[in-house]
Amino acid sequence: MIRSMTAFGRNRSVNERGDRDITAEIKSVNNRFLDCTVKLPRQYSYLEERVKSYISERGITRGKVDVFIGIDVLEETGLELSLDTAAAESYLASLKALRDQFGLKDDITVMTVAQNRDLFRTRRAEDDAERDWNDVKAVLSKAVDLFIEAKDREGEALGRDIEIKIGNIREMAGRIKAISEANIEKYPAKLTARIKQLLEDFDVEVSEQRILTEAAVFADKAAIDEELVRLATHFDSFSEIMTSPENSGRKLDFLLQEINREANTIASKSADIEIARIVVDVKAEIEKIREQIQNIE
């Protein structure tokens, strides 16, 4: 299955109780492995691992994934508030010292002190944690749906383009095969003409059998049948992997390395200029495919 690692999804909704306005955003870029970062309001940070687990459960396996959860409290419910007495005493003592040292007007009141939110502890009831997760999950789920849809759309476009490029390489491999077969077929006659030209002044005879033997040796050294057969097999495997339901990025990357290796072997075996030029074009297409595969999950 071709699924892009680059995508974005966003959803926003008020929960069923009407006391939380929740926004969920998820975006990703290329990465060799799954690297998920979750940003939540501080008081909801305990949901981070559950968000990460949910992302994995949805089948997201690769990419640098950033998840943002915003929670606006429309009405506070189920929250227990208590005073941090030690912090309040220290804070008041500091205010009084500041007043006395600099002769400031004493306007220390309950309301001015209460503006320091760090003096209060907040605690949620145990059952609120599950309620909060269900609220977040309901919004996050739709954002992930949209995110995966975007990955699939981009992956489909990548797949079409890669198939075209693989088709180009198939066509070039066919041209290489035709040129190679023609060269091997013509070699005995070319070898005979060359030897006769070299020995025409020395009245030396070279047996036809020797010429055929030398031609056979050349054909064996220059033959690229095995490489072409393996290339054809790799092309078929490439198409199979691209239509497989499994994530295919790593497999395609490995298979492309094998295709590149066969192209290099063909170039090293052949002394034909036209084949060398075609191999350069093959490697150019391979490099284009490689760049695209880096974006496949």
Protein backbone atom coordinates (compact mmCIF):
# COMPACT_ATOMS: atom_id res chain seq x y z
CA MET A 1 0.00 0.00 0.00
CA ILE A 2 1.35 3.38 -1.00
CA ARG A 3 0.75 5.88 1.80
CA SER A 4 2.57 9.19 2.03
CA MET A 5 4.35 10.21 5.23
CA THR A 6 3.44 13.85 4.64
CA ALA A 7 -0.11 14.82 5.61
CA PHE A 8 -2.30 17.02 7.81
CA GLY A 9 -5.61 16.55 9.60
CA ARG A 10 -7.62 18.86 11.87
CA ASN A 11 -10.88 18.63 13.75
CA ARG A 12 -12.64 20.83 16.31
CA SER A 13 -15.73 20.13 18.35
CA VAL A 14 -17.49 20.88 21.65
CA ASN A 15 -18.00 17.77 23.79
CA GLU A 16 -21.45 16.36 24.55
CA ARG A 17 -21.64 18.06 27.96
CA GLY A 18 -20.89 21.43 26.36
CA ASP A 19 -18.12 22.29 28.82
CA ARG A 20 -15.03 21.71 26.63
CA ASP A 21 -14.13 23.11 23.19
CA ILE A 22 -11.52 20.68 21.85
CA THR A 23 -9.23 21.05 18.83
CA ALA A 24 -7.05 18.23 17.47
CA GLU A 25 -4.39 18.71 14.79
CA ILE A 26 -2.02 16.09 13.43
CA LYS A 27 0.69 16.60 10.84
CA SER A 28 3.72 14.62 9.73
CA VAL A 29 6.84 14.74 7.58
CA ASN A 30 9.38 12.14 6.48
CA ASN A 31 11.24 10.12 9.08
CA ARG A 32 12.86 6.69 9.04
CA PHE A 33 10.89 5.54 12.09
CA LEU A 34 7.79 6.72 13.97
CA ASP A 35 8.60 9.77 16.09
CA CYS A 36 5.41 11.08 17.68
CA THR A 37 5.33 14.34 19.67
CA VAL A 38 2.16 15.34 21.55
CA LYS A 39 1.38 18.81 22.85
CA LEU A 40 -1.40 19.15 25.43
CA PRO A 41 -2.45 21.78 27.97
CA ARG A 42 -0.39 21.25 31.13
CA GLN A 43 -3.32 20.05 33.22
CA TYR A 44 -4.09 17.37 30.62
CA SER A 45 -0.50 16.16 30.13
CA TYR A 46 -1.38 12.77 31.63
CA LEU A 47 -3.19 11.98 28.34
CA GLU A 48 0.03 12.12 26.29
CA GLU A 49 0.81 8.38 26.31
CA ARG A 50 -2.78 7.50 25.49
CA VAL A 51 -2.64 9.82 22.46
CA LYS A 52 0.62 8.21 21.28
CA SER A 53 -0.81 4.71 21.71
CA TYR A 54 -3.91 5.69 19.76
CA ILE A 55 -1.80 7.03 16.88
CA SER A 56 0.04 3.68 16.65
CA GLU A 57 -3.21 1.73 16.89
CA ARG A 58 -4.50 3.60 13.84
CA GLY A 59 -1.70 2.08 11.76
CA ILE A 60 0.65 5.06 11.57
CA THR A 61 4.09 3.41 11.61
CA ARG A 62 6.58 5.92 10.16
CA GLY A 63 7.14 9.66 10.04
CA LYS A 64 7.80 12.61 12.30
CA VAL A 65 4.29 13.07 13.65
CA ASP A 66 3.23 16.15 15.63
CA VAL A 67 -0.08 16.08 17.49
CA PHE A 68 -1.59 19.20 19.04
CA ILE A 69 -4.56 19.01 21.38
CA GLY A 70 -6.16 22.29 22.46
CA ILE A 71 -8.81 22.29 25.19
CA ASP A 72 -10.76 25.43 26.02
CA VAL A 73 -12.76 25.14 29.24
CA LEU A 74 -16.24 26.59 28.73
CA GLU A 75 -17.46 25.54 32.15
CA GLU A 76 -15.39 24.01 34.95
CA THR A 77 -16.82 20.76 36.33
CA GLY A 78 -15.41 17.94 38.42
CA LEU A 79 -12.37 19.92 39.54
CA GLU A 80 -11.24 19.98 43.17
CA LEU A 81 -9.31 23.11 44.15
CA SER A 82 -7.14 23.35 47.28
CA LEU A 83 -4.75 25.94 48.69
CA ASP A 84 -1.02 25.22 48.80
CA THR A 85 -0.64 26.63 52.33
CA ALA A 86 3.16 26.54 52.43
CA ALA A 87 3.43 28.33 49.10
CA ALA A 88 0.85 30.93 50.21
CA GLU A 89 2.72 31.66 53.46
CA SER A 90 6.01 32.10 51.62
CA TYR A 91 4.37 34.28 48.99
CA LEU A 92 2.70 36.54 51.60
CA ALA A 93 5.94 36.87 53.56
CA SER A 94 7.72 37.96 50.38
CA LEU A 95 5.01 40.53 49.62
CA LYS A 96 5.24 41.98 53.12
CA ALA A 97 9.04 42.16 52.92
CA LEU A 98 8.73 43.96 49.60
CA ARG A 99 6.23 46.40 51.17
CA ASP A 100 8.37 47.14 54.23
CA GLN A 101 11.72 47.41 52.44
CA PHE A 102 10.54 49.86 49.81
CA GLY A 103 7.79 51.62 51.74
CA LEU A 104 5.08 50.57 49.34
CA LYS A 105 1.39 51.06 49.86
CA ASP A 106 -0.18 48.03 51.53
CA ASP A 107 -2.81 46.80 49.07
CA ILE A 108 -2.45 43.09 49.86
CA THR A 109 -5.94 41.60 49.63
CA VAL A 110 -7.41 38.18 49.10
CA MET A 111 -8.17 38.98 45.48
CA THR A 112 -4.68 40.24 44.66
CA VAL A 113 -3.09 37.19 46.26
CA ALA A 114 -5.55 34.85 44.52
CA GLN A 115 -4.32 36.08 41.14
CA ASN A 116 -1.25 33.92 41.68
CA ARG A 117 -2.59 30.61 40.36
CA ASP A 118 0.52 28.74 41.54
CA LEU A 119 -0.84 28.96 45.10
CA PHE A 120 -3.63 26.52 44.29
CA ARG A 121 -3.59 22.82 43.58
CA THR A 122 -6.07 21.28 41.20
CA ARG A 123 -7.05 17.65 41.26
CA ARG A 124 -9.49 15.73 39.16
CA ALA A 125 -11.53 12.82 40.38
CA GLU A 126 -10.41 9.41 39.15
CA ASP A 127 -13.37 8.95 36.86
CA ASP A 128 -12.68 12.32 35.22
CA ALA A 129 -9.48 11.00 33.63
CA GLU A 130 -11.45 8.48 31.54
CA ARG A 131 -14.07 11.09 30.75
CA ASP A 132 -11.37 13.52 29.55
CA TRP A 133 -9.81 10.84 27.34
CA ASN A 134 -13.15 9.98 25.77
CA ASP A 135 -13.73 13.69 25.03
CA VAL A 136 -10.29 14.05 23.41
CA LYS A 137 -10.49 10.74 21.56
CA ALA A 138 -13.81 11.67 19.94
CA VAL A 139 -12.22 14.76 18.37
CA LEU A 140 -8.81 13.20 17.72
CA SER A 141 -10.39 10.24 15.93
CA LYS A 142 -11.90 12.46 13.22
CA ALA A 143 -8.64 14.41 12.86
CA VAL A 144 -6.78 11.12 12.33
CA ASP A 145 -9.40 10.01 9.79
CA LEU A 146 -8.74 13.17 7.78
CA PHE A 147 -5.00 12.75 8.26
CA ILE A 148 -5.04 9.19 6.90
CA GLU A 149 -7.24 10.22 3.98
CA ALA A 150 -4.65 12.88 3.08
CA LYS A 151 -1.86 10.29 3.34
CA ASP A 152 -3.75 7.93 1.05
CA ARG A 153 -4.48 10.62 -1.55
CA GLU A 154 -0.85 11.70 -1.68
CA GLY A 155 0.25 8.06 -1.70
CA GLU A 156 -2.01 7.31 -4.67
CA ALA A 157 -0.44 10.16 -6.63
CA LEU A 158 3.06 8.96 -5.70
CA GLY A 159 2.17 5.42 -6.75
CA ARG A 160 0.95 6.50 -10.19
CA ASP A 161 4.13 8.47 -10.83
CA ILE A 162 6.38 5.66 -9.62
CA GLU A 163 4.57 3.15 -11.86
CA ILE A 164 5.23 5.42 -14.85
CA LYS A 165 8.92 5.61 -14.00
CA ILE A 166 9.18 1.84 -13.49
CA GLY A 167 7.51 1.45 -16.90
CA ASN A 168 10.17 3.73 -18.39
CA ILE A 169 12.92 1.55 -16.90
CA ARG A 170 11.20 -1.60 -18.25
CA GLU A 171 11.20 -0.06 -21.72
CA MET A 172 14.88 0.90 -21.45
CA ALA A 173 15.75 -2.62 -20.25
CA GLY A 174 14.07 -3.97 -23.39
CA ARG A 175 16.20 -1.69 -25.57
CA ILE A 176 19.35 -2.80 -23.76
CA LYS A 177 18.43 -6.45 -24.35
CA ALA A 178 17.89 -5.90 -28.09
CA ILE A 179 21.21 -4.06 -28.49
CA SER A 180 23.10 -6.70 -26.46
CA GLU A 181 21.68 -9.60 -28.51
CA ALA A 182 22.50 -7.82 -31.76
CA ASN A 183 26.08 -7.15 -30.63
CA ILE A 184 26.69 -10.79 -29.68
CA GLU A 185 25.18 -12.01 -32.98
CA LYS A 186 27.41 -9.69 -35.02
CA TYR A 187 30.60 -10.33 -33.04
CA PRO A 188 31.91 -13.46 -34.91
CA ALA A 189 31.80 -11.66 -38.26
CA LYS A 190 33.41 -8.52 -36.80
CA LEU A 191 36.11 -10.61 -35.12
CA THR A 192 36.87 -12.50 -38.32
CA ALA A 193 37.18 -9.29 -40.33
CA ARG A 194 39.44 -7.73 -37.72
CA ILE A 195 41.78 -10.76 -37.55
CA LYS A 196 42.04 -10.99 -41.33
CA GLN A 197 42.90 -7.34 -41.55
CA LEU A 198 45.66 -7.73 -38.94
CA LEU A 199 47.16 -10.85 -40.55
CA GLU A 200 46.74 -10.12 -44.23
CA ASP A 201 50.42 -9.14 -44.57
CA PHE A 202 51.77 -12.29 -42.85
CA ASP A 203 50.06 -15.07 -44.78
CA VAL A 204 48.85 -16.67 -41.54
CA GLU A 205 45.71 -18.75 -41.39
CA VAL A 206 43.39 -18.68 -38.35
CA SER A 207 41.00 -21.58 -38.02
CA GLU A 208 37.29 -20.89 -38.03
CA GLN A 209 37.02 -22.96 -34.86
CA ARG A 210 39.39 -20.61 -33.05
CA ILE A 211 37.35 -17.62 -34.12
CA LEU A 212 34.16 -19.28 -32.91
CA THR A 213 35.83 -20.11 -29.59
CA GLU A 214 36.91 -16.50 -29.10
CA ALA A 215 33.43 -15.32 -30.03
CA ALA A 216 31.92 -17.72 -27.47
CA VAL A 217 34.26 -16.38 -24.78
CA PHE A 218 33.23 -12.82 -25.61
CA ALA A 219 29.55 -13.74 -25.58
CA ASP A 220 29.92 -15.34 -22.16
CA LYS A 221 31.71 -12.30 -20.70
CA ALA A 222 29.39 -9.75 -22.28
CA ALA A 223 26.12 -11.62 -21.71
CA ILE A 224 23.69 -9.71 -19.50
CA ASP A 225 20.79 -12.16 -19.74
CA GLU A 226 20.88 -12.96 -16.02
CA GLU A 227 20.84 -9.29 -15.06
CA LEU A 228 17.94 -8.58 -17.40
CA VAL A 229 15.97 -11.53 -16.05
CA ARG A 230 16.54 -10.36 -12.48
CA LEU A 231 15.50 -6.84 -13.47
CA ALA A 232 12.22 -8.18 -14.90
CA THR A 233 11.63 -10.09 -11.66
CA HIS A 234 12.34 -6.97 -9.61
CA PHE A 235 9.89 -4.96 -11.71
CA ASP A 236 7.14 -7.53 -11.07
CA SER A 237 7.94 -7.58 -7.34
CA PHE A 238 7.82 -3.78 -7.29
CA SER A 239 4.27 -3.78 -8.65
CA GLU A 240 3.19 -6.50 -6.20
CA ILE A 241 4.55 -4.59 -3.20
CA MET A 242 2.86 -1.37 -4.30
CA THR A 243 -0.55 -3.10 -4.35
CA SER A 244 0.06 -4.99 -1.09
CA PRO A 245 -2.13 -3.98 1.90
CA GLU A 246 0.98 -3.64 4.06
CA ASN A 247 3.04 -0.46 4.37
CA SER A 248 5.63 -0.71 1.63
CA GLY A 249 8.18 2.10 1.99
CA ARG A 250 11.07 0.05 3.41
CA LYS A 251 10.49 -2.87 1.01
CA LEU A 252 10.42 -0.61 -2.03
CA ASP A 253 13.60 1.11 -0.88
CA PHE A 254 15.41 -2.23 -0.61
CA LEU A 255 14.11 -3.45 -3.98
CA LEU A 256 15.20 -0.23 -5.66
CA GLN A 257 18.73 -0.84 -4.39
CA GLU A 258 18.65 -4.25 -6.12
CA ILE A 259 17.48 -2.66 -9.38
CA ASN A 260 20.30 -0.15 -9.15
CA ARG A 261 22.82 -2.95 -8.54
CA GLU A 262 21.71 -4.80 -11.69
CA ALA A 263 22.01 -1.57 -13.71
CA ASN A 264 25.57 -1.12 -12.46
CA THR A 265 26.47 -4.69 -13.42
CA ILE A 266 25.06 -4.22 -16.91
CA ALA A 267 27.12 -1.06 -17.34
CA SER A 268 30.31 -2.81 -16.20
CA LYS A 269 29.80 -5.80 -18.52
CA SER A 270 28.92 -3.93 -21.68
CA ALA A 271 31.37 -1.93 -23.79
CA ASP A 272 28.60 -0.66 -26.05
CA ILE A 273 28.27 3.14 -25.98
CA GLU A 274 24.52 3.08 -26.61
CA ILE A 275 23.93 0.67 -23.73
CA ALA A 276 26.06 2.88 -21.49
CA ARG A 277 23.90 5.88 -22.40
CA ILE A 278 20.70 3.97 -21.68
CA VAL A 279 22.04 2.83 -18.29
CA VAL A 280 22.70 6.48 -17.40
CA ASP A 281 19.02 7.20 -18.17
CA VAL A 282 17.99 4.17 -16.10
CA LYS A 283 19.96 5.40 -13.10
CA ALA A 284 18.44 8.87 -13.48
CA GLU A 285 14.94 7.33 -13.26
CA ILE A 286 16.03 5.22 -10.28
CA GLU A 287 17.19 8.33 -8.45
CA LYS A 288 13.84 10.04 -9.08
CA ILE A 289 12.01 7.01 -7.69
CA ARG A 290 14.34 6.91 -4.69
CA GLU A 291 13.43 10.50 -3.79
CA GLN A 292 9.73 9.64 -3.91
CA ILE A 293 10.10 6.44 -1.90
CA GLN A 294 11.61 8.45 0.94
CA ASN A 295 8.12 9.92 1.40
CA ILE A 296 6.31 6.56 1.53
CA GLU A 297 5.28 5.11 4.87
